Amino acid sequence: MTLSQAVADNLPFLRRFSRALTGSQDRGDRYVAAVLEALVEDPNVLEGMDNRRLALYRLLLTVWGSVNGENEVAGHPKASGDKRLESIAPQSRQVFLLATVERFSMPDIASILNISEADAQDLLEQAGREIAAQVATQVLIIEDEPLIALDLKGLVESLGHTVQGISRTQAEAETAALEQPPGLILADVQLADDSSGVDAVKNILEHFATPVIFITAHPERLLTGEKPEPAFLITKPFDTGAVKAVISQALFFNVKSGASSATEVSSSTQASMV
């Protein structure tokens, strides 16, 4: 496989990881842009690792670590959400996201970070403890599949949060949110009456800002490089660990997770979000 093909194949997932790491679509994409610039300047920068996917993630984390938390890529200062990152060790967070969002194995994570597998496992356990201790909140689940809704309810509660309700339609979701503003929204995209979870979120966010995580079977379809896009996604059918990771990240940054912009996605794009 050529270098250009390896980059093209992994770019959507590299962008997903970078956004989860930074808590921002714009800042996450700036780091990925810096990785691409580094590859243009020196195509041999990935040498030393046989697996180019792992090498790309290592390069991204090298770029991210090179700013030492002081300044963002291209001279952009840290957002207020970044200050909260200081309470969680950076490498612990990296391991947590690599394992639960990107689903890398411990050997792969150890290779990306150039540490031992034992150290990677210790960092993963540390991150779980630190992130779970950050904040507990009320969660609104917008999901029309009963079994999936129950699964989401169980894992949300296992993190110490409270499920304030489960909505099956856009109208139910909007009513529930207005009656009691949630601290987090976990939203499916296509609802029971063919209404849109995206439209529901858009209308809810007109009244107050709330972190949002969208659910889709094809997250790569939403990471096309054309704005607007959501910053936080979980894959359907989902992995429990990945959902917990994304929930923790969304609450940790306490931002709208790109949801306000994601709600502006065209109806043609919504049709592919199943």
Protein backbone atom coordinates (compact mmCIF):
# COMPACT_ATOMS: atom_id res chain seq x y z
CA MET A 1 0.00 0.00 0.00
CA THR A 2 1.34 3.43 -0.93
CA LEU A 3 1.76 6.18 1.64
CA SER A 4 -0.95 8.29 0.02
CA GLN A 5 -3.40 5.37 0.12
CA ALA A 6 -2.58 4.65 3.76
CA VAL A 7 -3.23 8.28 4.65
CA ALA A 8 -6.48 8.39 2.67
CA ASP A 9 -7.79 5.19 4.28
CA ASN A 10 -7.03 6.33 7.81
CA LEU A 11 -7.78 10.05 7.56
CA PRO A 12 -11.44 9.92 8.75
CA PHE A 13 -10.46 7.92 11.84
CA LEU A 14 -7.40 10.03 12.53
CA ARG A 15 -9.66 13.08 12.46
CA ARG A 16 -12.13 11.39 14.82
CA PHE A 17 -9.35 10.64 17.29
CA SER A 18 -7.87 14.13 17.07
CA ARG A 19 -11.27 15.72 17.74
CA ALA A 20 -11.90 13.49 20.75
CA LEU A 21 -8.42 14.29 22.05
CA THR A 22 -8.91 18.05 21.78
CA GLY A 23 -12.67 18.28 22.27
CA SER A 24 -13.08 20.41 19.16
CA GLN A 25 -13.69 19.87 15.46
CA ASP A 26 -11.64 22.90 14.44
CA ARG A 27 -8.70 22.33 16.75
CA GLY A 28 -8.68 18.60 16.11
CA ASP A 29 -8.56 19.15 12.37
CA ARG A 30 -5.70 21.64 12.77
CA TYR A 31 -3.59 18.91 14.32
CA VAL A 32 -4.41 16.53 11.48
CA ALA A 33 -3.51 19.27 9.00
CA ALA A 34 -0.17 19.64 10.77
CA VAL A 35 0.40 15.88 10.37
CA LEU A 36 -0.28 16.13 6.64
CA GLU A 37 2.09 19.07 6.35
CA ALA A 38 4.79 17.07 8.12
CA LEU A 39 4.30 14.21 5.66
CA VAL A 40 4.56 16.57 2.68
CA GLU A 41 7.79 18.03 4.05
CA ASP A 42 9.29 14.64 4.86
CA PRO A 43 7.58 11.51 3.45
CA ASN A 44 10.06 9.39 5.44
CA VAL A 45 8.77 10.68 8.77
CA LEU A 46 6.75 7.45 9.22
CA GLU A 47 9.75 5.19 8.82
CA GLY A 48 10.58 3.02 11.81
CA MET A 49 7.14 1.40 12.11
CA ASP A 50 5.93 -1.32 9.74
CA ASN A 51 2.25 -0.54 10.38
CA ARG A 52 1.52 2.81 8.76
CA ARG A 53 -1.76 3.24 10.61
CA LEU A 54 0.01 3.01 13.92
CA ALA A 55 2.72 5.32 12.60
CA LEU A 56 0.14 7.95 11.66
CA TYR A 57 -1.34 7.94 15.15
CA ARG A 58 2.13 8.17 16.66
CA LEU A 59 2.92 11.16 14.43
CA LEU A 60 -0.33 12.87 15.42
CA LEU A 61 0.43 12.43 19.11
CA THR A 62 3.97 13.67 18.53
CA VAL A 63 2.56 16.82 16.94
CA TRP A 64 0.04 17.22 19.77
CA GLY A 65 2.71 16.72 22.42
CA SER A 66 5.12 19.12 20.74
CA VAL A 67 3.05 22.13 21.78
CA ASN A 68 3.33 21.05 25.43
CA GLY A 69 -0.18 22.30 26.17
CA GLU A 70 0.89 25.90 25.84
CA ASN A 71 -0.41 26.89 22.42
CA GLU A 72 -2.60 25.37 19.77
CA VAL A 73 -1.50 24.54 16.26
CA ALA A 74 -1.18 27.58 13.98
CA GLY A 75 -1.01 29.92 16.93
CA HIS A 76 -4.50 29.37 18.28
CA PRO A 77 -4.65 29.65 22.08
CA LYS A 78 -6.11 27.01 24.34
CA ALA A 79 -9.87 27.05 24.80
CA SER A 80 -11.34 27.03 28.28
CA GLY A 81 -12.08 23.31 27.93
CA ASP A 82 -8.38 22.60 27.58
CA LYS A 83 -7.74 23.93 31.07
CA ARG A 84 -9.81 21.08 32.46
CA LEU A 85 -7.50 18.65 30.71
CA GLU A 86 -4.82 19.53 33.23
CA SER A 87 -6.67 17.39 35.79
CA ILE A 88 -6.11 14.26 33.69
CA ALA A 89 -2.65 13.09 32.73
CA PRO A 90 -2.26 13.57 28.94
CA GLN A 91 -0.86 10.10 28.29
CA SER A 92 -3.64 8.47 30.29
CA ARG A 93 -6.19 10.22 28.12
CA GLN A 94 -4.37 9.15 24.96
CA VAL A 95 -4.44 5.50 26.03
CA PHE A 96 -8.09 5.75 27.02
CA LEU A 97 -9.12 7.09 23.61
CA LEU A 98 -6.89 4.75 21.63
CA ALA A 99 -8.39 1.76 23.43
CA THR A 100 -12.05 2.64 23.68
CA VAL A 101 -12.73 4.92 20.72
CA GLU A 102 -10.19 3.69 18.17
CA ARG A 103 -10.28 0.11 19.54
CA PHE A 104 -6.57 -0.49 19.31
CA SER A 105 -5.19 -3.50 21.15
CA MET A 106 -2.81 -3.06 24.06
CA PRO A 107 0.17 -4.11 21.90
CA ASP A 108 -0.80 -1.52 19.29
CA ILE A 109 -1.26 1.20 21.89
CA ALA A 110 2.11 0.37 23.41
CA SER A 111 3.65 0.63 19.94
CA ILE A 112 1.99 3.97 19.17
CA LEU A 113 3.16 5.49 22.45
CA ASN A 114 6.46 3.61 22.52
CA ILE A 115 5.80 2.23 26.00
CA SER A 116 5.38 -1.25 27.47
CA GLU A 117 2.05 -3.07 27.38
CA ALA A 118 2.00 -3.12 31.18
CA ASP A 119 2.42 0.64 31.29
CA ALA A 120 -0.32 1.08 28.69
CA GLN A 121 -2.71 -1.03 30.78
CA ASP A 122 -1.89 0.95 33.92
CA LEU A 123 -2.53 4.22 32.09
CA LEU A 124 -5.87 2.93 30.79
CA GLU A 125 -7.05 2.06 34.28
CA GLN A 126 -5.84 5.40 35.61
CA ALA A 127 -7.72 7.31 32.90
CA GLY A 128 -10.94 5.47 33.61
CA ARG A 129 -10.78 6.44 37.26
CA GLU A 130 -9.91 10.05 36.56
CA ILE A 131 -12.50 10.70 33.87
CA ALA A 132 -15.34 8.97 35.73
CA ALA A 133 -14.67 11.17 38.75
CA GLN A 134 -15.11 14.42 36.81
CA VAL A 135 -18.85 15.01 36.71
CA ALA A 136 -22.22 13.29 37.07
CA THR A 137 -25.23 14.66 35.22
CA GLN A 138 -28.76 14.13 33.87
CA VAL A 139 -28.81 12.38 30.48
CA LEU A 140 -31.57 12.48 27.87
CA ILE A 141 -31.53 9.45 25.56
CA ILE A 142 -33.17 9.92 22.15
CA GLU A 143 -33.50 6.38 20.78
CA ASP A 144 -36.43 4.52 19.23
CA GLU A 145 -35.09 0.95 19.58
CA PRO A 146 -36.16 -0.32 23.05
CA LEU A 147 -33.29 -2.76 23.56
CA ILE A 148 -30.67 -0.25 22.47
CA ALA A 149 -32.26 2.39 24.70
CA LEU A 150 -32.09 0.03 27.68
CA ASP A 151 -28.46 -0.79 26.93
CA LEU A 152 -27.62 2.91 26.78
CA LYS A 153 -29.53 3.55 30.00
CA GLY A 154 -27.57 0.84 31.78
CA LEU A 155 -24.15 2.04 30.70
CA VAL A 156 -25.01 5.70 31.41
CA GLU A 157 -26.05 4.76 34.93
CA SER A 158 -22.94 2.61 35.36
CA LEU A 159 -20.90 5.79 34.92
CA GLY A 160 -22.75 7.46 37.78
CA HIS A 161 -25.14 9.55 35.69
CA THR A 162 -28.93 9.68 35.85
CA VAL A 163 -31.17 9.03 32.86
CA GLN A 164 -33.91 11.66 32.98
CA GLY A 165 -35.85 10.01 30.17
CA ILE A 166 -35.88 8.06 26.92
CA SER A 167 -37.53 9.70 23.91
CA ARG A 168 -38.56 7.76 20.78
CA THR A 169 -39.52 10.71 18.56
CA GLN A 170 -38.42 14.26 17.84
CA ALA A 171 -41.50 15.71 19.56
CA GLU A 172 -40.96 13.63 22.69
CA ALA A 173 -37.30 14.64 22.85
CA GLU A 174 -38.01 18.35 22.50
CA THR A 175 -40.74 18.23 25.14
CA ALA A 176 -38.55 16.30 27.59
CA ALA A 177 -35.61 18.67 27.16
CA LEU A 178 -37.71 21.78 27.63
CA GLU A 179 -39.34 20.36 30.76
CA GLN A 180 -35.96 19.54 32.29
CA PRO A 181 -32.77 20.69 30.52
CA PRO A 182 -30.38 17.71 30.37
CA GLY A 183 -26.67 17.83 31.09
CA LEU A 184 -26.00 15.53 28.12
CA ILE A 185 -27.97 14.35 25.10
CA LEU A 186 -27.34 10.95 23.56
CA ALA A 187 -29.17 11.06 20.23
CA ASP A 188 -29.98 8.57 17.53
CA VAL A 189 -30.45 10.07 14.08
CA GLN A 190 -33.47 8.28 12.59
CA LEU A 191 -36.39 8.03 15.01
CA ALA A 192 -39.57 5.97 15.34
CA ASP A 193 -41.93 8.18 13.33
CA ASP A 194 -39.33 8.96 10.67
CA SER A 195 -38.55 12.22 12.44
CA SER A 196 -34.96 13.34 12.87
CA GLY A 197 -32.79 13.21 15.95
CA VAL A 198 -30.63 15.85 14.29
CA ASP A 199 -33.61 18.22 14.01
CA ALA A 200 -34.56 17.47 17.61
CA VAL A 201 -31.10 18.41 18.82
CA LYS A 202 -31.08 21.55 16.66
CA ASN A 203 -34.32 22.77 18.22
CA ILE A 204 -33.21 21.89 21.74
CA LEU A 205 -29.94 23.77 21.34
CA GLU A 206 -31.83 26.90 20.38
CA HIS A 207 -32.84 27.13 24.04
CA PHE A 208 -29.66 26.09 25.87
CA ALA A 209 -26.19 24.64 25.29
CA THR A 210 -25.79 20.95 26.10
CA PRO A 211 -23.12 18.43 25.11
CA VAL A 212 -24.44 16.07 22.43
CA ILE A 213 -23.31 12.70 21.12
CA PHE A 214 -24.82 11.40 17.90
CA ILE A 215 -25.29 7.71 17.12
CA THR A 216 -24.77 6.35 13.61
CA ALA A 217 -23.89 3.07 11.97
CA HIS A 218 -21.49 4.84 9.63
CA PRO A 219 -19.47 7.54 11.43
CA GLU A 220 -17.05 7.84 8.53
CA ARG A 221 -19.89 9.26 6.44
CA LEU A 222 -20.09 12.24 8.78
CA LEU A 223 -16.35 12.92 8.66
CA THR A 224 -16.14 14.07 5.08
CA GLY A 225 -14.14 17.24 5.57
CA GLU A 226 -17.15 19.37 4.68
CA LYS A 227 -18.53 21.46 7.51
CA PRO A 228 -20.59 21.23 9.58
CA GLU A 229 -19.78 17.93 11.28
CA PRO A 230 -20.30 16.50 14.77
CA ALA A 231 -17.22 16.15 16.94
CA PHE A 232 -18.49 13.21 19.04
CA LEU A 233 -19.90 10.05 17.51
CA ILE A 234 -20.54 6.50 18.61
CA THR A 235 -20.96 3.61 16.22
CA LYS A 236 -24.16 1.60 15.99
CA PRO A 237 -24.04 -1.26 16.86
CA PHE A 238 -21.85 0.14 19.56
CA ASP A 239 -19.11 -1.09 21.83
CA THR A 240 -19.86 -0.37 25.50
CA GLY A 241 -16.34 0.82 26.20
CA ALA A 242 -16.42 3.21 23.24
CA VAL A 243 -19.71 4.73 24.38
CA LYS A 244 -18.39 5.25 27.89
CA ALA A 245 -15.26 6.88 26.49
CA VAL A 246 -17.16 9.31 24.31
CA ILE A 247 -19.64 10.19 27.08
CA SER A 248 -16.76 10.93 29.43
CA GLN A 249 -15.02 13.06 26.81
CA ALA A 250 -18.14 15.05 25.92
CA LEU A 251 -18.88 15.84 29.55
CA PHE A 252 -15.24 16.45 30.34
CA PHE A 253 -14.91 19.18 27.73
CA ASN A 254 -18.41 20.46 28.49
CA VAL A 255 -18.87 21.78 24.98
CA LYS A 256 -21.65 21.26 22.50
CA SER A 257 -19.54 18.60 20.82
CA GLY A 258 -20.10 20.13 17.42
CA ALA A 259 -23.79 19.32 17.79
CA SER A 260 -25.04 22.82 17.08
CA SER A 261 -23.25 22.80 13.77
CA ALA A 262 -24.05 19.16 13.11
CA THR A 263 -27.74 19.93 13.27
CA GLU A 264 -27.36 22.01 10.13
CA VAL A 265 -26.46 18.91 8.09
CA SER A 266 -28.56 18.74 4.94
CA SER A 267 -31.47 16.34 4.64
CA SER A 268 -29.60 14.39 2.00
CA THR A 269 -26.79 13.79 4.44
CA GLN A 270 -29.27 12.82 7.14
CA ALA A 271 -30.59 10.07 4.89
CA SER A 272 -27.24 8.34 5.05
CA MET A 273 -27.05 8.55 8.84
CA VAL A 274 -28.65 5.25 9.78
